[in-house]
């Protein structure tokens, strides 16, 4: 069942760590795309414009295949990597954590920085709720008007969400279905005469 579900965070949350006058504010966001990530980064940089560093890590996609770490001027491997490590330890995806640092005048050293970024990120995740979601696949089905009743009956399953409909010479419906139910649904839909189903990337 594992590859039919994944874990993510339910909401935005905040974490905090203080060490030798430096303050580390961690902000965790649920995200779906790299555009979401860019928007949150832009907003945080405006809000905390006077901070010395805005370090972050994110993981995207049910398979966790898109990710990035950024040290934003901190010594290499001391910020993005420990933040990313907390995402991995909680086994979450579609999640961004930005840690904003206000420098307190005393250097923390490499191990001090790693601990600070790790602890702030961990605090933000612990102040959140981790939820399980179903992996979904997106499709478009095109079919003649005569097939409408049969197609709509099949798309009434609990595991299906209709995302859009348009009517031209043929009927076109965009839908997403939970991966665990996709094969049986597509098999049933293909039995309706005149249907053409394409995957939406």
N, C-alpha and C. Protein backbone atom coordinates (compact mmCIF):
# COMPACT_ATOMS: atom_id res chain seq x y z
N UNK A 1 0.83 -1.22 0.00
CA UNK A 1 0.00 0.00 0.00
C UNK A 1 0.85 1.26 0.00
N UNK A 2 2.15 1.11 0.39
CA UNK A 2 2.91 2.33 0.65
C UNK A 2 2.89 3.32 -0.51
N UNK A 3 3.09 2.83 -1.75
CA UNK A 3 3.21 3.81 -2.84
C UNK A 3 1.84 4.36 -3.26
N UNK A 4 0.75 3.99 -2.57
CA UNK A 4 -0.56 4.60 -2.84
C UNK A 4 -0.82 5.80 -1.92
N UNK A 5 0.00 5.97 -0.89
CA UNK A 5 -0.19 7.08 0.05
C UNK A 5 1.15 7.78 0.32
N UNK A 6 1.07 8.99 0.85
CA UNK A 6 2.27 9.72 1.26
C UNK A 6 1.91 10.63 2.43
N UNK A 7 2.91 11.15 3.10
CA UNK A 7 2.68 12.03 4.25
C UNK A 7 3.11 13.45 3.94
N UNK A 8 2.35 14.40 4.46
CA UNK A 8 2.69 15.81 4.32
C UNK A 8 2.20 16.54 5.57
N UNK A 9 2.45 17.86 5.62
CA UNK A 9 1.98 18.62 6.78
C UNK A 9 0.62 19.25 6.48
N UNK A 10 -0.15 19.47 7.54
CA UNK A 10 -1.54 19.91 7.37
C UNK A 10 -1.67 21.41 7.19
N UNK A 11 -0.69 22.19 7.67
CA UNK A 11 -0.86 23.65 7.72
C UNK A 11 0.51 24.32 7.80
N UNK A 12 0.51 25.63 7.88
CA UNK A 12 1.73 26.40 8.13
C UNK A 12 2.03 26.36 9.63
N UNK A 13 3.31 26.22 9.97
CA UNK A 13 3.67 26.25 11.39
C UNK A 13 5.03 26.92 11.58
N UNK A 14 5.35 27.21 12.84
CA UNK A 14 6.57 27.95 13.15
C UNK A 14 7.37 27.23 14.23
N UNK A 15 8.68 27.35 14.19
CA UNK A 15 9.56 26.82 15.23
C UNK A 15 10.59 27.88 15.58
N UNK A 16 11.23 27.72 16.73
CA UNK A 16 12.18 28.74 17.19
C UNK A 16 13.33 28.09 17.93
N UNK A 17 14.55 28.60 17.69
CA UNK A 17 15.72 28.17 18.45
C UNK A 17 16.61 29.39 18.69
N UNK A 18 17.10 29.51 19.92
CA UNK A 18 17.99 30.64 20.25
C UNK A 18 19.31 30.10 20.79
N UNK A 19 20.40 30.71 20.37
CA UNK A 19 21.73 30.29 20.82
C UNK A 19 22.68 31.47 20.75
N UNK A 20 23.30 31.82 21.88
CA UNK A 20 24.31 32.88 21.96
C UNK A 20 23.89 34.16 21.23
N UNK A 21 22.64 34.56 21.45
CA UNK A 21 22.15 35.80 20.87
C UNK A 21 21.58 35.67 19.46
N UNK A 22 21.92 34.54 18.77
CA UNK A 22 21.34 34.32 17.43
C UNK A 22 19.95 33.72 17.59
N UNK A 23 19.08 34.13 16.69
CA UNK A 23 17.69 33.63 16.72
C UNK A 23 17.39 32.95 15.39
N UNK A 24 16.87 31.73 15.47
CA UNK A 24 16.54 30.95 14.27
C UNK A 24 15.03 30.71 14.25
N UNK A 25 14.35 31.32 13.28
CA UNK A 25 12.89 31.18 13.16
C UNK A 25 12.62 30.24 11.98
N UNK A 26 12.00 29.11 12.27
CA UNK A 26 11.69 28.12 11.22
C UNK A 26 10.23 28.23 10.82
N UNK A 27 9.99 28.26 9.52
CA UNK A 27 8.62 28.37 8.98
C UNK A 27 8.37 27.18 8.05
N UNK A 28 7.39 26.37 8.39
CA UNK A 28 7.06 25.19 7.59
C UNK A 28 5.78 25.45 6.79
N UNK A 29 5.82 25.12 5.50
CA UNK A 29 4.67 25.37 4.62
C UNK A 29 4.32 24.11 3.82
N UNK A 30 3.02 23.81 3.68
CA UNK A 30 2.63 22.79 2.70
C UNK A 30 2.72 23.41 1.30
N UNK A 31 3.37 22.72 0.37
CA UNK A 31 3.54 23.24 -1.00
C UNK A 31 3.28 22.11 -2.00
N UNK A 32 2.90 22.49 -3.22
CA UNK A 32 2.67 21.48 -4.26
C UNK A 32 3.64 21.61 -5.42
N UNK A 33 4.12 22.85 -5.66
CA UNK A 33 4.94 23.09 -6.85
C UNK A 33 6.14 23.98 -6.49
N UNK A 34 7.09 24.06 -7.42
CA UNK A 34 8.24 24.95 -7.22
C UNK A 34 7.80 26.42 -7.25
N UNK A 35 6.70 26.70 -7.93
CA UNK A 35 6.15 28.07 -7.91
C UNK A 35 5.69 28.44 -6.51
N UNK A 36 5.04 27.48 -5.81
CA UNK A 36 4.64 27.71 -4.42
C UNK A 36 5.86 28.04 -3.56
N UNK A 37 6.94 27.27 -3.77
CA UNK A 37 8.18 27.47 -3.01
C UNK A 37 8.71 28.89 -3.24
N UNK A 38 8.78 29.30 -4.51
CA UNK A 38 9.30 30.64 -4.84
C UNK A 38 8.47 31.74 -4.20
N UNK A 39 7.15 31.54 -4.19
CA UNK A 39 6.26 32.55 -3.61
C UNK A 39 6.50 32.69 -2.11
N UNK A 40 6.59 31.56 -1.41
CA UNK A 40 6.84 31.61 0.05
C UNK A 40 8.21 32.22 0.35
N UNK A 41 9.21 31.86 -0.44
CA UNK A 41 10.56 32.44 -0.23
C UNK A 41 10.54 33.95 -0.40
N UNK A 42 9.86 34.39 -1.44
CA UNK A 42 9.75 35.82 -1.71
C UNK A 42 9.04 36.54 -0.55
N UNK A 43 7.94 35.96 -0.08
CA UNK A 43 7.18 36.57 1.03
C UNK A 43 8.01 36.63 2.31
N UNK A 44 8.73 35.53 2.61
CA UNK A 44 9.53 35.47 3.84
C UNK A 44 10.68 36.48 3.78
N UNK A 45 11.31 36.60 2.60
CA UNK A 45 12.42 37.55 2.47
C UNK A 45 11.94 38.99 2.64
N UNK A 46 10.70 39.26 2.21
CA UNK A 46 10.14 40.61 2.42
C UNK A 46 9.80 40.82 3.90
N UNK A 47 9.20 39.82 4.52
CA UNK A 47 8.77 39.95 5.91
C UNK A 47 9.97 40.04 6.87
N UNK A 48 10.99 39.21 6.61
CA UNK A 48 12.18 39.18 7.46
C UNK A 48 13.36 39.77 6.69
N UNK A 49 13.14 40.95 6.13
CA UNK A 49 14.14 41.57 5.25
C UNK A 49 15.44 41.90 5.97
N UNK A 50 15.38 42.06 7.30
CA UNK A 50 16.57 42.47 8.06
C UNK A 50 17.35 41.27 8.62
N UNK A 51 16.92 40.05 8.28
CA UNK A 51 17.63 38.86 8.76
C UNK A 51 18.88 38.62 7.91
N UNK A 52 19.87 37.97 8.51
CA UNK A 52 21.13 37.74 7.80
C UNK A 52 21.02 36.60 6.79
N UNK A 53 20.28 35.56 7.13
CA UNK A 53 20.17 34.38 6.26
C UNK A 53 18.72 33.90 6.17
N UNK A 54 18.35 33.38 4.98
CA UNK A 54 17.06 32.73 4.75
C UNK A 54 17.36 31.36 4.13
N UNK A 55 17.65 30.38 4.96
CA UNK A 55 18.05 29.06 4.47
C UNK A 55 16.82 28.16 4.36
N UNK A 56 16.87 27.20 3.46
CA UNK A 56 15.66 26.37 3.29
C UNK A 56 15.96 25.00 2.70
N UNK A 57 14.96 24.15 2.78
CA UNK A 57 14.96 22.86 2.08
C UNK A 57 13.51 22.50 1.79
N UNK A 58 13.30 21.80 0.67
CA UNK A 58 11.95 21.32 0.37
C UNK A 58 12.01 19.97 -0.32
N UNK A 59 10.91 19.25 -0.23
CA UNK A 59 10.73 17.98 -0.96
C UNK A 59 9.35 18.04 -1.60
N UNK A 60 9.26 17.63 -2.87
CA UNK A 60 7.99 17.66 -3.60
C UNK A 60 7.70 16.30 -4.23
N UNK A 61 6.40 16.00 -4.37
CA UNK A 61 5.96 14.82 -5.10
C UNK A 61 5.83 13.59 -4.23
N UNK A 62 4.85 12.73 -4.53
CA UNK A 62 4.64 11.50 -3.76
C UNK A 62 5.89 10.61 -3.70
N UNK A 63 6.70 10.65 -4.78
CA UNK A 63 7.91 9.83 -4.80
C UNK A 63 9.12 10.58 -4.24
N UNK A 64 8.90 11.81 -3.77
CA UNK A 64 9.96 12.64 -3.18
C UNK A 64 11.12 12.87 -4.17
N UNK A 65 10.80 12.94 -5.47
CA UNK A 65 11.87 13.02 -6.46
C UNK A 65 12.34 14.44 -6.76
N UNK A 66 11.63 15.45 -6.27
CA UNK A 66 12.09 16.83 -6.45
C UNK A 66 12.42 17.41 -5.08
N UNK A 67 13.67 17.83 -4.91
CA UNK A 67 14.04 18.43 -3.63
C UNK A 67 15.20 19.41 -3.84
N UNK A 68 15.38 20.29 -2.86
CA UNK A 68 16.48 21.25 -2.96
C UNK A 68 16.87 21.71 -1.57
N UNK A 69 18.15 21.98 -1.38
CA UNK A 69 18.64 22.52 -0.12
C UNK A 69 19.41 23.80 -0.42
N UNK A 70 19.34 24.78 0.46
CA UNK A 70 20.04 26.04 0.23
C UNK A 70 20.59 26.59 1.55
N UNK A 71 21.91 26.87 1.56
CA UNK A 71 22.57 27.37 2.78
C UNK A 71 22.55 28.90 2.87
N UNK A 72 22.19 29.57 1.78
CA UNK A 72 22.08 31.05 1.75
C UNK A 72 23.23 31.75 2.48
N UNK A 73 24.46 31.39 2.13
CA UNK A 73 25.61 32.11 2.68
C UNK A 73 26.20 31.52 3.95
N UNK A 74 25.49 30.58 4.58
CA UNK A 74 26.08 29.88 5.73
C UNK A 74 27.13 28.89 5.20
N UNK A 75 28.08 28.45 6.06
CA UNK A 75 29.06 27.46 5.59
C UNK A 75 28.37 26.24 5.00
N UNK A 76 28.94 25.72 3.90
CA UNK A 76 28.32 24.63 3.15
C UNK A 76 27.94 23.45 4.04
N UNK A 77 26.69 23.01 3.90
CA UNK A 77 26.20 21.83 4.62
C UNK A 77 25.72 22.08 6.04
N UNK A 78 25.75 23.36 6.49
CA UNK A 78 25.38 23.63 7.89
C UNK A 78 23.91 24.03 8.06
N UNK A 79 23.22 24.33 6.96
CA UNK A 79 21.84 24.84 7.10
C UNK A 79 20.85 24.01 6.29
N UNK A 80 20.97 24.03 4.96
CA UNK A 80 20.03 23.30 4.10
C UNK A 80 19.99 21.81 4.40
N UNK A 81 21.18 21.21 4.64
CA UNK A 81 21.23 19.76 4.87
C UNK A 81 20.53 19.35 6.17
N UNK A 82 20.79 20.02 7.32
CA UNK A 82 20.05 19.62 8.53
C UNK A 82 18.54 19.89 8.44
N UNK A 83 18.14 20.93 7.70
CA UNK A 83 16.70 21.18 7.51
C UNK A 83 16.10 20.02 6.70
N UNK A 84 16.78 19.67 5.61
CA UNK A 84 16.34 18.57 4.75
C UNK A 84 16.29 17.26 5.55
N UNK A 85 17.26 17.08 6.44
CA UNK A 85 17.31 15.88 7.27
C UNK A 85 16.07 15.73 8.14
N UNK A 86 15.52 16.85 8.60
CA UNK A 86 14.30 16.78 9.42
C UNK A 86 13.09 16.39 8.58
N UNK A 87 13.03 16.86 7.33
CA UNK A 87 11.95 16.46 6.43
C UNK A 87 12.01 14.94 6.19
N UNK A 88 13.25 14.44 5.99
CA UNK A 88 13.41 13.00 5.76
C UNK A 88 13.06 12.20 7.01
N UNK A 89 13.46 12.70 8.18
CA UNK A 89 13.21 11.93 9.40
C UNK A 89 11.71 11.85 9.72
N UNK A 90 10.95 12.86 9.30
CA UNK A 90 9.50 12.83 9.51
C UNK A 90 8.77 12.19 8.32
N UNK A 91 9.56 11.83 7.27
CA UNK A 91 9.01 11.16 6.09
C UNK A 91 7.89 11.97 5.43
N UNK A 92 8.11 13.29 5.29
CA UNK A 92 7.09 14.15 4.66
C UNK A 92 7.56 14.63 3.29
N UNK A 93 6.60 14.90 2.44
CA UNK A 93 6.86 15.50 1.14
C UNK A 93 5.88 16.67 0.95
N UNK A 94 5.97 17.34 -0.21
CA UNK A 94 5.16 18.55 -0.47
C UNK A 94 5.28 19.52 0.72
N UNK A 95 6.52 19.66 1.21
CA UNK A 95 6.78 20.47 2.40
C UNK A 95 8.02 21.33 2.19
N UNK A 96 7.92 22.58 2.58
CA UNK A 96 9.04 23.54 2.53
C UNK A 96 9.29 24.04 3.94
N UNK A 97 10.57 24.07 4.36
CA UNK A 97 10.93 24.73 5.61
C UNK A 97 11.98 25.80 5.32
N UNK A 98 11.67 27.01 5.72
CA UNK A 98 12.61 28.13 5.62
C UNK A 98 13.03 28.48 7.05
N UNK A 99 14.33 28.57 7.29
CA UNK A 99 14.81 29.00 8.60
C UNK A 99 15.50 30.36 8.44
N UNK A 100 14.95 31.35 9.12
CA UNK A 100 15.45 32.73 9.07
C UNK A 100 16.39 32.92 10.26
N UNK A 101 17.61 33.43 10.01
CA UNK A 101 18.55 33.62 11.11
C UNK A 101 18.86 35.09 11.33
N UNK A 102 18.70 35.51 12.58
CA UNK A 102 19.19 36.81 13.03
C UNK A 102 20.48 36.57 13.80
N UNK A 103 21.58 37.14 13.31
CA UNK A 103 22.90 36.90 13.89
C UNK A 103 23.06 37.68 15.20
N UNK A 104 23.56 36.97 16.22
CA UNK A 104 23.68 37.60 17.55
C UNK A 104 25.06 38.14 17.87
N UNK A 105 26.00 38.06 16.90
CA UNK A 105 27.32 38.63 17.15
C UNK A 105 28.36 37.61 17.55
N UNK A 106 27.94 36.41 17.98
CA UNK A 106 28.90 35.37 18.36
C UNK A 106 28.77 34.20 17.38
N UNK A 107 29.88 33.80 16.77
CA UNK A 107 29.84 32.67 15.84
C UNK A 107 29.57 31.36 16.58
N UNK A 108 28.80 30.49 15.95
CA UNK A 108 28.41 29.24 16.60
C UNK A 108 29.27 28.06 16.19
N UNK A 109 30.06 28.22 15.14
CA UNK A 109 30.85 27.09 14.64
C UNK A 109 29.98 26.15 13.83
N UNK A 110 30.65 25.25 13.11
CA UNK A 110 29.93 24.35 12.20
C UNK A 110 28.92 23.48 12.95
N UNK A 111 29.36 22.81 14.02
CA UNK A 111 28.44 21.91 14.74
C UNK A 111 27.32 22.70 15.41
N UNK A 112 27.62 23.91 15.87
CA UNK A 112 26.58 24.75 16.48
C UNK A 112 25.52 25.17 15.48
N UNK A 113 25.97 25.49 14.26
CA UNK A 113 25.02 25.88 13.22
C UNK A 113 24.14 24.70 12.81
N UNK A 114 24.78 23.55 12.61
CA UNK A 114 24.01 22.35 12.22
C UNK A 114 22.93 22.06 13.27
N UNK A 115 23.30 22.12 14.52
CA UNK A 115 22.34 21.86 15.59
C UNK A 115 21.22 22.89 15.61
N UNK A 116 21.58 24.16 15.40
CA UNK A 116 20.58 25.24 15.44
C UNK A 116 19.55 25.08 14.32
N UNK A 117 20.01 24.85 13.08
CA UNK A 117 19.08 24.72 11.96
C UNK A 117 18.23 23.45 12.09
N UNK A 118 18.87 22.37 12.56
CA UNK A 118 18.14 21.12 12.77
C UNK A 118 17.05 21.30 13.83
N UNK A 119 17.41 21.91 14.95
CA UNK A 119 16.46 22.03 16.07
C UNK A 119 15.30 22.96 15.73
N UNK A 120 15.60 24.06 15.02
CA UNK A 120 14.53 24.99 14.62
C UNK A 120 13.55 24.29 13.67
N UNK A 121 14.11 23.57 12.67
CA UNK A 121 13.26 22.86 11.70
C UNK A 121 12.42 21.78 12.40
N UNK A 122 13.04 21.06 13.33
CA UNK A 122 12.34 20.02 14.07
C UNK A 122 11.18 20.62 14.87
N UNK A 123 11.41 21.78 15.48
CA UNK A 123 10.37 22.45 16.27
C UNK A 123 9.18 22.83 15.40
N UNK A 124 9.47 23.35 14.20
CA UNK A 124 8.37 23.73 13.28
C UNK A 124 7.53 22.52 12.91
N UNK A 125 8.18 21.38 12.65
CA UNK A 125 7.43 20.16 12.28
C UNK A 125 6.65 19.61 13.47
N UNK A 126 7.23 19.72 14.66
CA UNK A 126 6.53 19.21 15.85
C UNK A 126 5.32 20.08 16.21
N UNK A 127 5.33 21.33 15.74
CA UNK A 127 4.18 22.23 15.96
C UNK A 127 3.13 22.09 14.86
N UNK A 128 3.28 21.09 14.03
CA UNK A 128 2.36 20.87 12.92
C UNK A 128 1.66 19.52 13.11
N UNK A 129 0.81 19.16 12.16
CA UNK A 129 0.18 17.84 12.15
C UNK A 129 0.56 17.15 10.86
N UNK A 130 1.06 15.93 10.96
CA UNK A 130 1.42 15.18 9.76
C UNK A 130 0.22 14.34 9.34
N UNK A 131 -0.16 14.48 8.08
CA UNK A 131 -1.36 13.79 7.58
C UNK A 131 -0.98 12.85 6.42
N UNK A 132 -1.82 11.86 6.24
CA UNK A 132 -1.62 10.91 5.14
C UNK A 132 -2.55 11.29 3.99
N UNK A 133 -2.00 11.30 2.78
CA UNK A 133 -2.82 11.60 1.59
C UNK A 133 -2.67 10.47 0.59
N UNK A 134 -3.68 10.32 -0.25
CA UNK A 134 -3.61 9.32 -1.32
C UNK A 134 -2.90 9.90 -2.53
N UNK A 135 -2.06 9.09 -3.14
CA UNK A 135 -1.45 9.48 -4.41
C UNK A 135 -2.55 9.51 -5.47
N UNK A 136 -2.59 10.60 -6.25
CA UNK A 136 -3.63 10.73 -7.28
C UNK A 136 -3.00 10.83 -8.66
N UNK A 137 -3.73 10.37 -9.66
CA UNK A 137 -3.30 10.49 -11.05
C UNK A 137 -4.35 11.29 -11.82
N UNK A 138 -3.89 12.10 -12.77
CA UNK A 138 -4.78 12.99 -13.53
C UNK A 138 -4.96 12.50 -14.96
N UNK A 139 -6.20 12.52 -15.41
CA UNK A 139 -6.52 12.06 -16.77
C UNK A 139 -7.52 13.01 -17.43
N UNK A 140 -7.56 12.92 -18.76
CA UNK A 140 -8.62 13.57 -19.54
C UNK A 140 -9.30 12.49 -20.37
N UNK A 141 -10.63 12.47 -20.31
CA UNK A 141 -11.40 11.51 -21.13
C UNK A 141 -12.24 12.29 -22.13
N UNK A 142 -12.18 11.85 -23.37
CA UNK A 142 -12.99 12.43 -24.45
C UNK A 142 -13.94 11.34 -24.94
N UNK A 143 -15.21 11.70 -25.11
CA UNK A 143 -16.18 10.67 -25.50
C UNK A 143 -17.38 11.34 -26.19
N UNK A 144 -18.12 10.58 -27.01
CA UNK A 144 -19.30 11.14 -27.68
C UNK A 144 -20.43 11.37 -26.68
N UNK A 145 -21.32 12.34 -26.95
CA UNK A 145 -22.41 12.66 -26.02
C UNK A 145 -23.24 11.45 -25.60
N UNK A 146 -23.38 10.47 -26.47
CA UNK A 146 -24.18 9.28 -26.13
C UNK A 146 -23.62 8.50 -24.93
N UNK A 147 -22.33 8.66 -24.69
CA UNK A 147 -21.71 7.92 -23.58
C UNK A 147 -21.79 8.62 -22.24
N UNK A 148 -22.43 9.79 -22.20
CA UNK A 148 -22.43 10.63 -20.99
C UNK A 148 -22.90 9.89 -19.74
N UNK A 149 -24.05 9.22 -19.82
CA UNK A 149 -24.59 8.56 -18.62
C UNK A 149 -23.65 7.51 -18.07
N UNK A 150 -23.11 6.67 -18.95
CA UNK A 150 -22.21 5.60 -18.50
C UNK A 150 -20.94 6.18 -17.88
N UNK A 151 -20.37 7.19 -18.54
CA UNK A 151 -19.12 7.79 -18.04
C UNK A 151 -19.35 8.44 -16.68
N UNK A 152 -20.42 9.22 -16.56
CA UNK A 152 -20.69 9.93 -15.31
C UNK A 152 -20.95 8.95 -14.16
N UNK A 153 -21.60 7.83 -14.47
CA UNK A 153 -21.84 6.81 -13.43
C UNK A 153 -20.51 6.27 -12.89
N UNK A 154 -19.59 6.02 -13.82
CA UNK A 154 -18.28 5.48 -13.42
C UNK A 154 -17.45 6.50 -12.64
N UNK A 155 -17.63 7.77 -12.98
CA UNK A 155 -16.85 8.83 -12.31
C UNK A 155 -17.45 9.24 -10.97
N UNK A 156 -18.54 8.57 -10.56
CA UNK A 156 -19.15 8.88 -9.27
C UNK A 156 -18.45 8.20 -8.09
N UNK A 157 -17.39 7.46 -8.36
CA UNK A 157 -16.69 6.75 -7.29
C UNK A 157 -16.13 7.76 -6.26
N UNK A 158 -16.02 7.29 -5.03
CA UNK A 158 -15.46 8.13 -3.96
C UNK A 158 -14.01 8.52 -4.23
N UNK A 159 -13.32 7.71 -5.00
CA UNK A 159 -11.89 7.93 -5.23
C UNK A 159 -11.62 8.89 -6.39
N UNK A 160 -12.69 9.44 -6.97
CA UNK A 160 -12.56 10.29 -8.17
C UNK A 160 -12.99 11.73 -7.88
N UNK A 161 -12.24 12.69 -8.43
CA UNK A 161 -12.65 14.10 -8.38
C UNK A 161 -12.69 14.62 -9.81
N UNK A 162 -13.81 15.23 -10.18
CA UNK A 162 -13.90 15.85 -11.51
C UNK A 162 -13.32 17.26 -11.42
N UNK A 163 -12.33 17.54 -12.27
CA UNK A 163 -11.61 18.82 -12.19
C UNK A 163 -12.13 19.85 -13.21
N UNK A 164 -12.78 19.35 -14.26
CA UNK A 164 -13.28 20.30 -15.27
C UNK A 164 -14.04 19.55 -16.36
N UNK A 165 -15.01 20.25 -16.96
CA UNK A 165 -15.80 19.65 -18.04
C UNK A 165 -15.98 20.68 -19.15
N UNK A 166 -15.93 20.21 -20.40
CA UNK A 166 -16.27 21.10 -21.51
C UNK A 166 -16.93 20.27 -22.61
N UNK A 167 -17.78 20.95 -23.34
CA UNK A 167 -18.55 20.24 -24.36
C UNK A 167 -18.31 20.90 -25.69
N UNK A 168 -17.72 20.15 -26.61
CA UNK A 168 -17.52 20.61 -27.97
C UNK A 168 -18.27 19.61 -28.85
N UNK A 169 -17.64 19.17 -29.92
CA UNK A 169 -18.28 18.12 -30.72
C UNK A 169 -18.40 16.86 -29.86
N UNK A 170 -17.38 16.63 -29.03
CA UNK A 170 -17.40 15.54 -28.05
C UNK A 170 -17.41 16.13 -26.64
N UNK A 171 -17.63 15.28 -25.65
CA UNK A 171 -17.56 15.71 -24.26
C UNK A 171 -16.13 15.47 -23.76
N UNK A 172 -15.61 16.41 -22.99
CA UNK A 172 -14.25 16.28 -22.46
C UNK A 172 -14.31 16.51 -20.95
N UNK A 173 -13.79 15.57 -20.18
CA UNK A 173 -13.79 15.71 -18.72
C UNK A 173 -12.37 15.47 -18.20
N UNK A 174 -11.89 16.40 -17.39
CA UNK A 174 -10.62 16.23 -16.67
C UNK A 174 -10.96 15.68 -15.29
N UNK A 175 -10.26 14.65 -14.88
CA UNK A 175 -10.53 14.10 -13.55
C UNK A 175 -9.25 13.58 -12.92
N UNK A 176 -9.26 13.47 -11.59
CA UNK A 176 -8.17 12.78 -10.93
C UNK A 176 -8.74 11.63 -10.11
N UNK A 177 -7.95 10.59 -10.01
CA UNK A 177 -8.40 9.37 -9.32
C UNK A 177 -7.26 8.89 -8.42
N UNK A 178 -7.62 8.35 -7.27
CA UNK A 178 -6.60 7.78 -6.39
C UNK A 178 -5.91 6.63 -7.12
N UNK A 179 -4.58 6.62 -7.03
CA UNK A 179 -3.77 5.64 -7.78
C UNK A 179 -4.23 4.20 -7.54
N UNK A 180 -4.64 3.89 -6.31
CA UNK A 180 -5.03 2.51 -5.97
C UNK A 180 -6.25 2.06 -6.76
N UNK A 181 -7.05 3.01 -7.27
CA UNK A 181 -8.29 2.67 -7.98
C UNK A 181 -8.19 2.95 -9.48
N UNK A 182 -7.04 3.48 -9.92
CA UNK A 182 -6.94 3.96 -11.30
C UNK A 182 -7.11 2.85 -12.33
N UNK A 183 -6.44 1.72 -12.14
CA UNK A 183 -6.48 0.67 -13.16
C UNK A 183 -7.89 0.15 -13.40
N UNK A 184 -8.64 -0.10 -12.31
CA UNK A 184 -9.99 -0.65 -12.49
C UNK A 184 -10.92 0.38 -13.12
N UNK A 185 -10.74 1.66 -12.75
CA UNK A 185 -11.59 2.71 -13.33
C UNK A 185 -11.31 2.86 -14.83
N UNK A 186 -10.03 2.93 -15.19
CA UNK A 186 -9.69 3.12 -16.61
C UNK A 186 -10.18 1.95 -17.45
N UNK A 187 -10.07 0.75 -16.91
CA UNK A 187 -10.55 -0.44 -17.62
C UNK A 187 -12.06 -0.33 -17.89
N UNK A 188 -12.81 0.12 -16.89
CA UNK A 188 -14.27 0.26 -17.05
C UNK A 188 -14.61 1.38 -18.05
N UNK A 189 -13.87 2.50 -17.95
CA UNK A 189 -14.14 3.63 -18.85
C UNK A 189 -13.85 3.27 -20.31
N UNK A 190 -12.82 2.47 -20.53
CA UNK A 190 -12.44 2.12 -21.92
C UNK A 190 -13.49 1.23 -22.59
N UNK A 191 -14.35 0.62 -21.78
CA UNK A 191 -15.41 -0.22 -22.34
C UNK A 191 -16.56 0.62 -22.90
N UNK A 192 -16.60 1.89 -22.53
CA UNK A 192 -17.64 2.78 -23.08
C UNK A 192 -17.22 3.15 -24.50
N UNK A 193 -18.13 2.95 -25.44
CA UNK A 193 -17.79 3.14 -26.85
C UNK A 193 -17.35 4.56 -27.17
N UNK A 194 -16.26 4.66 -27.93
CA UNK A 194 -15.81 5.96 -28.42
C UNK A 194 -14.95 6.77 -27.45
N UNK A 195 -14.58 6.16 -26.31
CA UNK A 195 -13.79 6.93 -25.33
C UNK A 195 -12.32 6.97 -25.71
N UNK A 196 -11.69 8.07 -25.38
CA UNK A 196 -10.24 8.22 -25.54
C UNK A 196 -9.71 8.84 -24.24
N UNK A 197 -8.77 8.16 -23.59
CA UNK A 197 -8.27 8.65 -22.29
C UNK A 197 -6.79 8.99 -22.43
N UNK A 198 -6.42 10.17 -21.96
CA UNK A 198 -5.02 10.57 -21.96
C UNK A 198 -4.58 10.96 -20.55
N UNK A 199 -3.31 10.73 -20.26
CA UNK A 199 -2.76 11.09 -18.96
C UNK A 199 -2.39 12.57 -18.98
N UNK A 200 -2.72 13.26 -17.88
CA UNK A 200 -2.30 14.67 -17.74
C UNK A 200 -1.06 14.71 -16.87
N UNK A 201 -0.02 15.28 -17.36
CA UNK A 201 1.25 15.36 -16.58
C UNK A 201 1.21 16.62 -15.73
